[in-house]
Amino acid sequence: MVLYLQACFEEAGDDAAFIAKAIGTIAKARGMSQLAHDTGLGRESLYKALSGDGNPSLATILKVIKALGLKLHVEAAGH
């Protein structure tokens, strides 16, 4: 799961919808009902936000990442 998401971040560039969809893929594999319970968000709202067509807030992404047992890290770009 971690390697998949890391690869998606590398491939996505500035395409936030690509990242949301990748997180949605992981969420579906883990179980959207349990994720909805763990995040306090509605299941339908999660499906929409993480579909690739949605535009989830950073707060939603952070809640989902945490519920999946992941942490989001920032590092300097290697320019």
PDB file of N, CA and C in Angstrom:
ATOM      1  N   MET A   1       0.827  -1.185   0.000  1.00  0.00           N
ATOM      2  CA  MET A   1       0.000   0.000   0.000  1.00  0.00           C
ATOM      3  C   MET A   1       0.873   1.251   0.000  1.00  0.00           C
ATOM      4  N   VAL A   2       1.890   1.268   0.835  1.00  0.00           N
ATOM      5  CA  VAL A   2       2.769   2.438   0.931  1.00  0.00           C
ATOM      6  C   VAL A   2       3.526   2.637  -0.385  1.00  0.00           C
ATOM      7  N   LEU A   3       4.078   1.562  -0.917  1.00  0.00           N
ATOM      8  CA  LEU A   3       4.829   1.678  -2.169  1.00  0.00           C
ATOM      9  C   LEU A   3       3.933   2.113  -3.316  1.00  0.00           C
ATOM     10  N   TYR A   4       2.704   1.596  -3.351  1.00  0.00           N
ATOM     11  CA  TYR A   4       1.744   1.999  -4.380  1.00  0.00           C
ATOM     12  C   TYR A   4       1.471   3.500  -4.296  1.00  0.00           C
ATOM     13  N   LEU A   5       1.203   3.986  -3.095  1.00  0.00           N
ATOM     14  CA  LEU A   5       0.898   5.402  -2.931  1.00  0.00           C
ATOM     15  C   LEU A   5       2.108   6.282  -3.227  1.00  0.00           C
ATOM     16  N   GLN A   6       3.296   5.838  -2.841  1.00  0.00           N
ATOM     17  CA  GLN A   6       4.509   6.594  -3.169  1.00  0.00           C
ATOM     18  C   GLN A   6       4.677   6.691  -4.686  1.00  0.00           C
ATOM     19  N   ALA A   7       4.459   5.589  -5.389  1.00  0.00           N
ATOM     20  CA  ALA A   7       4.567   5.596  -6.849  1.00  0.00           C
ATOM     21  C   ALA A   7       3.531   6.526  -7.462  1.00  0.00           C
ATOM     22  N   CYS A   8       2.342   6.545  -6.908  1.00  0.00           N
ATOM     23  CA  CYS A   8       1.294   7.434  -7.412  1.00  0.00           C
ATOM     24  C   CYS A   8       1.670   8.896  -7.222  1.00  0.00           C
ATOM     25  N   PHE A   9       2.241   9.234  -6.063  1.00  0.00           N
ATOM     26  CA  PHE A   9       2.674  10.614  -5.835  1.00  0.00           C
ATOM     27  C   PHE A   9       3.754  11.012  -6.837  1.00  0.00           C
ATOM     28  N   GLU A  10       4.659  10.113  -7.126  1.00  0.00           N
ATOM     29  CA  GLU A  10       5.721  10.407  -8.089  1.00  0.00           C
ATOM     30  C   GLU A  10       5.165  10.588  -9.498  1.00  0.00           C
ATOM     31  N   GLU A  11       4.199   9.775  -9.862  1.00  0.00           N
ATOM     32  CA  GLU A  11       3.635   9.820 -11.210  1.00  0.00           C
ATOM     33  C   GLU A  11       2.653  10.967 -11.403  1.00  0.00           C
ATOM     34  N   ALA A  12       1.975  11.375 -10.337  1.00  0.00           N
ATOM     35  CA  ALA A  12       0.872  12.331 -10.439  1.00  0.00           C
ATOM     36  C   ALA A  12       1.300  13.737 -10.833  1.00  0.00           C
ATOM     37  N   GLY A  13       2.499  14.128 -10.485  1.00  0.00           N
ATOM     38  CA  GLY A  13       2.882  15.519 -10.725  1.00  0.00           C
ATOM     39  C   GLY A  13       1.994  16.424  -9.898  1.00  0.00           C
ATOM     40  N   ASP A  14       1.271  17.332 -10.546  1.00  0.00           N
ATOM     41  CA  ASP A  14       0.369  18.231  -9.817  1.00  0.00           C
ATOM     42  C   ASP A  14      -1.097  17.835  -9.986  1.00  0.00           C
ATOM     43  N   ASP A  15      -1.351  16.593 -10.367  1.00  0.00           N
ATOM     44  CA  ASP A  15      -2.709  16.097 -10.587  1.00  0.00           C
ATOM     45  C   ASP A  15      -3.304  15.574  -9.283  1.00  0.00           C
ATOM     46  N   ALA A  16      -3.985  16.445  -8.553  1.00  0.00           N
ATOM     47  CA  ALA A  16      -4.566  16.075  -7.262  1.00  0.00           C
ATOM     48  C   ALA A  16      -5.634  15.002  -7.410  1.00  0.00           C
ATOM     49  N   ALA A  17      -6.373  15.008  -8.510  1.00  0.00           N
ATOM     50  CA  ALA A  17      -7.411  14.005  -8.736  1.00  0.00           C
ATOM     51  C   ALA A  17      -6.806  12.607  -8.836  1.00  0.00           C
ATOM     52  N   PHE A  18      -5.619  12.511  -9.413  1.00  0.00           N
ATOM     53  CA  PHE A  18      -4.922  11.225  -9.521  1.00  0.00           C
ATOM     54  C   PHE A  18      -4.616  10.675  -8.135  1.00  0.00           C
ATOM     55  N   ILE A  19      -4.157  11.540  -7.241  1.00  0.00           N
ATOM     56  CA  ILE A  19      -3.847  11.136  -5.871  1.00  0.00           C
ATOM     57  C   ILE A  19      -5.117  10.740  -5.133  1.00  0.00           C
ATOM     58  N   ALA A  20      -6.178  11.537  -5.279  1.00  0.00           N
ATOM     59  CA  ALA A  20      -7.447  11.222  -4.616  1.00  0.00           C
ATOM     60  C   ALA A  20      -7.961   9.856  -5.067  1.00  0.00           C
ATOM     61  N   LYS A  21      -7.849   9.585  -6.352  1.00  0.00           N
ATOM     62  CA  LYS A  21      -8.310   8.299  -6.876  1.00  0.00           C
ATOM     63  C   LYS A  21      -7.445   7.157  -6.343  1.00  0.00           C
ATOM     64  N   ALA A  22      -6.142   7.366  -6.242  1.00  0.00           N
ATOM     65  CA  ALA A  22      -5.246   6.339  -5.698  1.00  0.00           C
ATOM     66  C   ALA A  22      -5.595   6.046  -4.240  1.00  0.00           C
ATOM     67  N   ILE A  23      -5.854   7.083  -3.468  1.00  0.00           N
ATOM     68  CA  ILE A  23      -6.258   6.893  -2.079  1.00  0.00           C
ATOM     69  C   ILE A  23      -7.609   6.183  -2.031  1.00  0.00           C
ATOM     70  N   GLY A  24      -8.492   6.528  -2.963  1.00  0.00           N
ATOM     71  CA  GLY A  24      -9.786   5.854  -3.053  1.00  0.00           C
ATOM     72  C   GLY A  24      -9.647   4.377  -3.357  1.00  0.00           C
ATOM     73  N   THR A  25      -8.706   4.023  -4.202  1.00  0.00           N
ATOM     74  CA  THR A  25      -8.456   2.611  -4.523  1.00  0.00           C
ATOM     75  C   THR A  25      -8.037   1.847  -3.271  1.00  0.00           C
ATOM     76  N   ILE A  26      -7.152   2.437  -2.497  1.00  0.00           N
ATOM     77  CA  ILE A  26      -6.714   1.819  -1.241  1.00  0.00           C
ATOM     78  C   ILE A  26      -7.884   1.729  -0.269  1.00  0.00           C
ATOM     79  N   ALA A  27      -8.662   2.797  -0.183  1.00  0.00           N
ATOM     80  CA  ALA A  27      -9.799   2.834   0.735  1.00  0.00           C
ATOM     81  C   ALA A  27     -10.812   1.744   0.409  1.00  0.00           C
ATOM     82  N   LYS A  28     -11.100   1.561  -0.873  1.00  0.00           N
ATOM     83  CA  LYS A  28     -12.048   0.518  -1.281  1.00  0.00           C
ATOM     84  C   LYS A  28     -11.526  -0.865  -0.925  1.00  0.00           C
ATOM     85  N   ALA A  29     -10.236  -1.070  -1.095  1.00  0.00           N
ATOM     86  CA  ALA A  29      -9.634  -2.360  -0.758  1.00  0.00           C
ATOM     87  C   ALA A  29      -9.707  -2.624   0.742  1.00  0.00           C
ATOM     88  N   ARG A  30      -9.617  -1.595   1.527  1.00  0.00           N
ATOM     89  CA  ARG A  30      -9.670  -1.731   2.983  1.00  0.00           C
ATOM     90  C   ARG A  30     -11.099  -1.832   3.501  1.00  0.00           C
ATOM     91  N   GLY A  31     -12.059  -1.290   2.757  1.00  0.00           N
ATOM     92  CA  GLY A  31     -13.458  -1.299   3.187  1.00  0.00           C
ATOM     93  C   GLY A  31     -13.949   0.105   3.476  1.00  0.00           C
ATOM     94  N   MET A  32     -14.789   0.603   2.598  1.00  0.00           N
ATOM     95  CA  MET A  32     -15.246   1.984   2.707  1.00  0.00           C
ATOM     96  C   MET A  32     -16.142   2.199   3.931  1.00  0.00           C
ATOM     97  N   SER A  33     -16.919   1.190   4.304  1.00  0.00           N
ATOM     98  CA  SER A  33     -17.780   1.345   5.489  1.00  0.00           C
ATOM     99  C   SER A  33     -16.952   1.537   6.747  1.00  0.00           C
ATOM    100  N   GLN A  34     -15.917   0.738   6.896  1.00  0.00           N
ATOM    101  CA  GLN A  34     -15.051   0.878   8.073  1.00  0.00           C
ATOM    102  C   GLN A  34     -14.324   2.218   8.039  1.00  0.00           C
ATOM    103  N   LEU A  35     -13.882   2.632   6.855  1.00  0.00           N
ATOM    104  CA  LEU A  35     -13.201   3.916   6.719  1.00  0.00           C
ATOM    105  C   LEU A  35     -14.136   5.067   7.087  1.00  0.00           C
ATOM    106  N   ALA A  36     -15.386   4.972   6.661  1.00  0.00           N
ATOM    107  CA  ALA A  36     -16.368   6.005   7.008  1.00  0.00           C
ATOM    108  C   ALA A  36     -16.518   6.077   8.529  1.00  0.00           C
ATOM    109  N   HIS A  37     -16.603   4.933   9.167  1.00  0.00           N
ATOM    110  CA  HIS A  37     -16.711   4.889  10.629  1.00  0.00           C
ATOM    111  C   HIS A  37     -15.475   5.503  11.289  1.00  0.00           C
ATOM    112  N   ASP A  38     -14.294   5.118  10.807  1.00  0.00           N
ATOM    113  CA  ASP A  38     -13.041   5.583  11.404  1.00  0.00           C
ATOM    114  C   ASP A  38     -12.800   7.077  11.214  1.00  0.00           C
ATOM    115  N   THR A  39     -13.286   7.631  10.104  1.00  0.00           N
ATOM    116  CA  THR A  39     -13.063   9.047   9.821  1.00  0.00           C
ATOM    117  C   THR A  39     -14.202   9.942  10.299  1.00  0.00           C
ATOM    118  N   GLY A  40     -15.368   9.343  10.538  1.00  0.00           N
ATOM    119  CA  GLY A  40     -16.540  10.147  10.898  1.00  0.00           C
ATOM    120  C   GLY A  40     -17.184  10.809   9.693  1.00  0.00           C
ATOM    121  N   LEU A  41     -16.792  10.386   8.502  1.00  0.00           N
ATOM    122  CA  LEU A  41     -17.343  10.937   7.266  1.00  0.00           C
ATOM    123  C   LEU A  41     -18.332   9.944   6.665  1.00  0.00           C
ATOM    124  N   GLY A  42     -19.261  10.435   5.864  1.00  0.00           N
ATOM    125  CA  GLY A  42     -20.241   9.571   5.222  1.00  0.00           C
ATOM    126  C   GLY A  42     -19.601   8.711   4.134  1.00  0.00           C
ATOM    127  N   ARG A  43     -20.077   7.474   4.033  1.00  0.00           N
ATOM    128  CA  ARG A  43     -19.537   6.543   3.031  1.00  0.00           C
ATOM    129  C   ARG A  43     -19.709   7.094   1.622  1.00  0.00           C
ATOM    130  N   GLU A  44     -20.890   7.621   1.331  1.00  0.00           N
ATOM    131  CA  GLU A  44     -21.144   8.173  -0.004  1.00  0.00           C
ATOM    132  C   GLU A  44     -20.256   9.376  -0.286  1.00  0.00           C
ATOM    133  N   SER A  45     -20.038  10.191   0.739  1.00  0.00           N
ATOM    134  CA  SER A  45     -19.156  11.357   0.587  1.00  0.00           C
ATOM    135  C   SER A  45     -17.728  10.917   0.290  1.00  0.00           C
ATOM    136  N   LEU A  46     -17.294   9.843   0.939  1.00  0.00           N
ATOM    137  CA  LEU A  46     -15.948   9.332   0.687  1.00  0.00           C
ATOM    138  C   LEU A  46     -15.826   8.795  -0.730  1.00  0.00           C
ATOM    139  N   TYR A  47     -16.831   8.039  -1.171  1.00  0.00           N
ATOM    140  CA  TYR A  47     -16.800   7.522  -2.539  1.00  0.00           C
ATOM    141  C   TYR A  47     -16.666   8.675  -3.541  1.00  0.00           C
ATOM    142  N   LYS A  48     -17.450   9.723  -3.334  1.00  0.00           N
ATOM    143  CA  LYS A  48     -17.424  10.868  -4.252  1.00  0.00           C
ATOM    144  C   LYS A  48     -16.084  11.598  -4.176  1.00  0.00           C
ATOM    145  N   ALA A  49     -15.618  11.880  -2.968  1.00  0.00           N
ATOM    146  CA  ALA A  49     -14.378  12.645  -2.786  1.00  0.00           C
ATOM    147  C   ALA A  49     -13.170  11.908  -3.346  1.00  0.00           C
ATOM    148  N   LEU A  50     -13.170  10.571  -3.237  1.00  0.00           N
ATOM    149  CA  LEU A  50     -12.001   9.784  -3.622  1.00  0.00           C
ATOM    150  C   LEU A  50     -12.176   9.101  -4.975  1.00  0.00           C
ATOM    151  N   SER A  51     -13.087   9.592  -5.773  1.00  0.00           N
ATOM    152  CA  SER A  51     -13.376   8.964  -7.068  1.00  0.00           C
ATOM    153  C   SER A  51     -12.427   9.400  -8.174  1.00  0.00           C
ATOM    154  N   GLY A  52     -11.741  10.475  -7.989  1.00  0.00           N
ATOM    155  CA  GLY A  52     -10.944  11.037  -9.069  1.00  0.00           C
ATOM    156  C   GLY A  52     -11.683  12.193  -9.728  1.00  0.00           C
ATOM    157  N   ASP A  53     -13.010  12.207  -9.567  1.00  0.00           N
ATOM    158  CA  ASP A  53     -13.827  13.318 -10.070  1.00  0.00           C
ATOM    159  C   ASP A  53     -14.156  14.303  -8.953  1.00  0.00           C
ATOM    160  N   GLY A  54     -13.972  13.866  -7.716  1.00  0.00           N
ATOM    161  CA  GLY A  54     -14.251  14.717  -6.571  1.00  0.00           C
ATOM    162  C   GLY A  54     -13.105  15.683  -6.325  1.00  0.00           C
ATOM    163  N   ASN A  55     -13.315  16.560  -5.392  1.00  0.00           N
ATOM    164  CA  ASN A  55     -12.283  17.536  -5.024  1.00  0.00           C
ATOM    165  C   ASN A  55     -12.213  17.578  -3.497  1.00  0.00           C
ATOM    166  N   PRO A  56     -11.615  16.527  -2.898  1.00  0.00           N
ATOM    167  CA  PRO A  56     -11.630  16.450  -1.437  1.00  0.00           C
ATOM    168  C   PRO A  56     -10.779  17.545  -0.797  1.00  0.00           C
ATOM    169  N   SER A  57     -11.233  17.966   0.365  1.00  0.00           N
ATOM    170  CA  SER A  57     -10.458  18.947   1.115  1.00  0.00           C
ATOM    171  C   SER A  57      -9.223  18.273   1.694  1.00  0.00           C
ATOM    172  N   LEU A  58      -8.260  19.072   2.066  1.00  0.00           N
ATOM    173  CA  LEU A  58      -7.070  18.535   2.711  1.00  0.00           C
ATOM    174  C   LEU A  58      -7.454  17.844   4.011  1.00  0.00           C
ATOM    175  N   ALA A  59      -8.430  18.386   4.718  1.00  0.00           N
ATOM    176  CA  ALA A  59      -8.890  17.776   5.969  1.00  0.00           C
ATOM    177  C   ALA A  59      -9.401  16.359   5.720  1.00  0.00           C
ATOM    178  N   THR A  60     -10.146  16.169   4.644  1.00  0.00           N
ATOM    179  CA  THR A  60     -10.650  14.839   4.299  1.00  0.00           C
ATOM    180  C   THR A  60      -9.505  13.894   3.981  1.00  0.00           C
ATOM    181  N   ILE A  61      -8.570  14.352   3.168  1.00  0.00           N
ATOM    182  CA  ILE A  61      -7.416  13.521   2.808  1.00  0.00           C
ATOM    183  C   ILE A  61      -6.637  13.129   4.058  1.00  0.00           C
ATOM    184  N   LEU A  62      -6.410  14.070   4.960  1.00  0.00           N
ATOM    185  CA  LEU A  62      -5.656  13.779   6.180  1.00  0.00           C
ATOM    186  C   LEU A  62      -6.389  12.777   7.067  1.00  0.00           C
ATOM    187  N   LYS A  63      -7.706  12.900   7.185  1.00  0.00           N
ATOM    188  CA  LYS A  63      -8.483  11.947   7.970  1.00  0.00           C
ATOM    189  C   LYS A  63      -8.388  10.546   7.373  1.00  0.00           C
ATOM    190  N   VAL A  64      -8.499  10.464   6.055  1.00  0.00           N
ATOM    191  CA  VAL A  64      -8.445   9.163   5.379  1.00  0.00           C
ATOM    192  C   VAL A  64      -7.057   8.551   5.531  1.00  0.00           C
ATOM    193  N   ILE A  65      -6.022   9.345   5.293  1.00  0.00           N
ATOM    194  CA  ILE A  65      -4.647   8.859   5.426  1.00  0.00           C
ATOM    195  C   ILE A  65      -4.422   8.300   6.833  1.00  0.00           C
ATOM    196  N   LYS A  66      -4.865   9.039   7.834  1.00  0.00           N
ATOM    197  CA  LYS A  66      -4.693   8.603   9.226  1.00  0.00           C
ATOM    198  C   LYS A  66      -5.481   7.317   9.490  1.00  0.00           C
ATOM    199  N   ALA A  67      -6.719   7.247   9.008  1.00  0.00           N
ATOM    200  CA  ALA A  67      -7.557   6.065   9.216  1.00  0.00           C
ATOM    201  C   ALA A  67      -6.973   4.832   8.530  1.00  0.00           C
ATOM    202  N   LEU A  68      -6.223   5.038   7.467  1.00  0.00           N
ATOM    203  CA  LEU A  68      -5.573   3.935   6.763  1.00  0.00           C
ATOM    204  C   LEU A  68      -4.273   3.510   7.451  1.00  0.00           C
ATOM    205  N   GLY A  69      -3.919   4.217   8.508  1.00  0.00           N
ATOM    206  CA  GLY A  69      -2.699   3.881   9.241  1.00  0.00           C
ATOM    207  C   GLY A  69      -1.446   4.426   8.589  1.00  0.00           C
ATOM    208  N   LEU A  70      -1.606   5.500   7.829  1.00  0.00           N
ATOM    209  CA  LEU A  70      -0.487   6.115   7.122  1.00  0.00           C
ATOM    210  C   LEU A  70      -0.215   7.506   7.680  1.00  0.00           C
ATOM    211  N   LYS A  71       0.957   8.040   7.362  1.00  0.00           N
ATOM    212  CA  LYS A  71       1.322   9.414   7.693  1.00  0.00           C
ATOM    213  C   LYS A  71       1.768  10.086   6.399  1.00  0.00           C
ATOM    214  N   LEU A  72       1.457  11.345   6.279  1.00  0.00           N
ATOM    215  CA  LEU A  72       1.881  12.143   5.130  1.00  0.00           C
ATOM    216  C   LEU A  72       3.118  12.921   5.536  1.00  0.00           C
ATOM    217  N   HIS A  73       4.186  12.798   4.740  1.00  0.00           N
ATOM    218  CA  HIS A  73       5.443  13.479   5.042  1.00  0.00           C
ATOM    219  C   HIS A  73       5.794  14.455   3.924  1.00  0.00           C
ATOM    220  N   VAL A  74       6.536  15.467   4.280  1.00  0.00           N
ATOM    221  CA  VAL A  74       7.019  16.466   3.319  1.00  0.00           C
ATOM    222  C   VAL A  74       8.529  16.434   3.340  1.00  0.00           C
ATOM    223  N   GLU A  75       9.128  16.520   2.161  1.00  0.00           N
ATOM    224  CA  GLU A  75      10.583  16.609   2.090  1.00  0.00           C
ATOM    225  C   GLU A  75      10.945  17.580   0.979  1.00  0.00           C
ATOM    226  N   ALA A  76      12.149  18.088   1.045  1.00  0.00           N
ATOM    227  CA  ALA A  76      12.611  19.037   0.033  1.00  0.00           C
ATOM    228  C   ALA A  76      12.697  18.337  -1.323  1.00  0.00           C
ATOM    229  N   ALA A  77      12.306  19.071  -2.351  1.00  0.00           N
ATOM    230  CA  ALA A  77      12.406  18.535  -3.705  1.00  0.00           C
ATOM    231  C   ALA A  77      13.882  18.446  -4.099  1.00  0.00           C
ATOM    232  N   GLY A  78      14.209  17.438  -4.847  1.00  0.00           N
ATOM    233  CA  GLY A  78      15.607  17.229  -5.239  1.00  0.00           C
ATOM    234  C   GLY A  78      15.968  17.975  -6.495  1.00  0.00           C
ATOM    235  N   HIS A  79      15.772  19.289  -6.505  1.00  0.00           N
ATOM    236  CA  HIS A  79      16.088  20.092  -7.699  1.00  0.00           C
ATOM    237  C   HIS A  79      17.521  20.497  -7.710  1.00  0.00           C
TER     238      HIS A  79
END
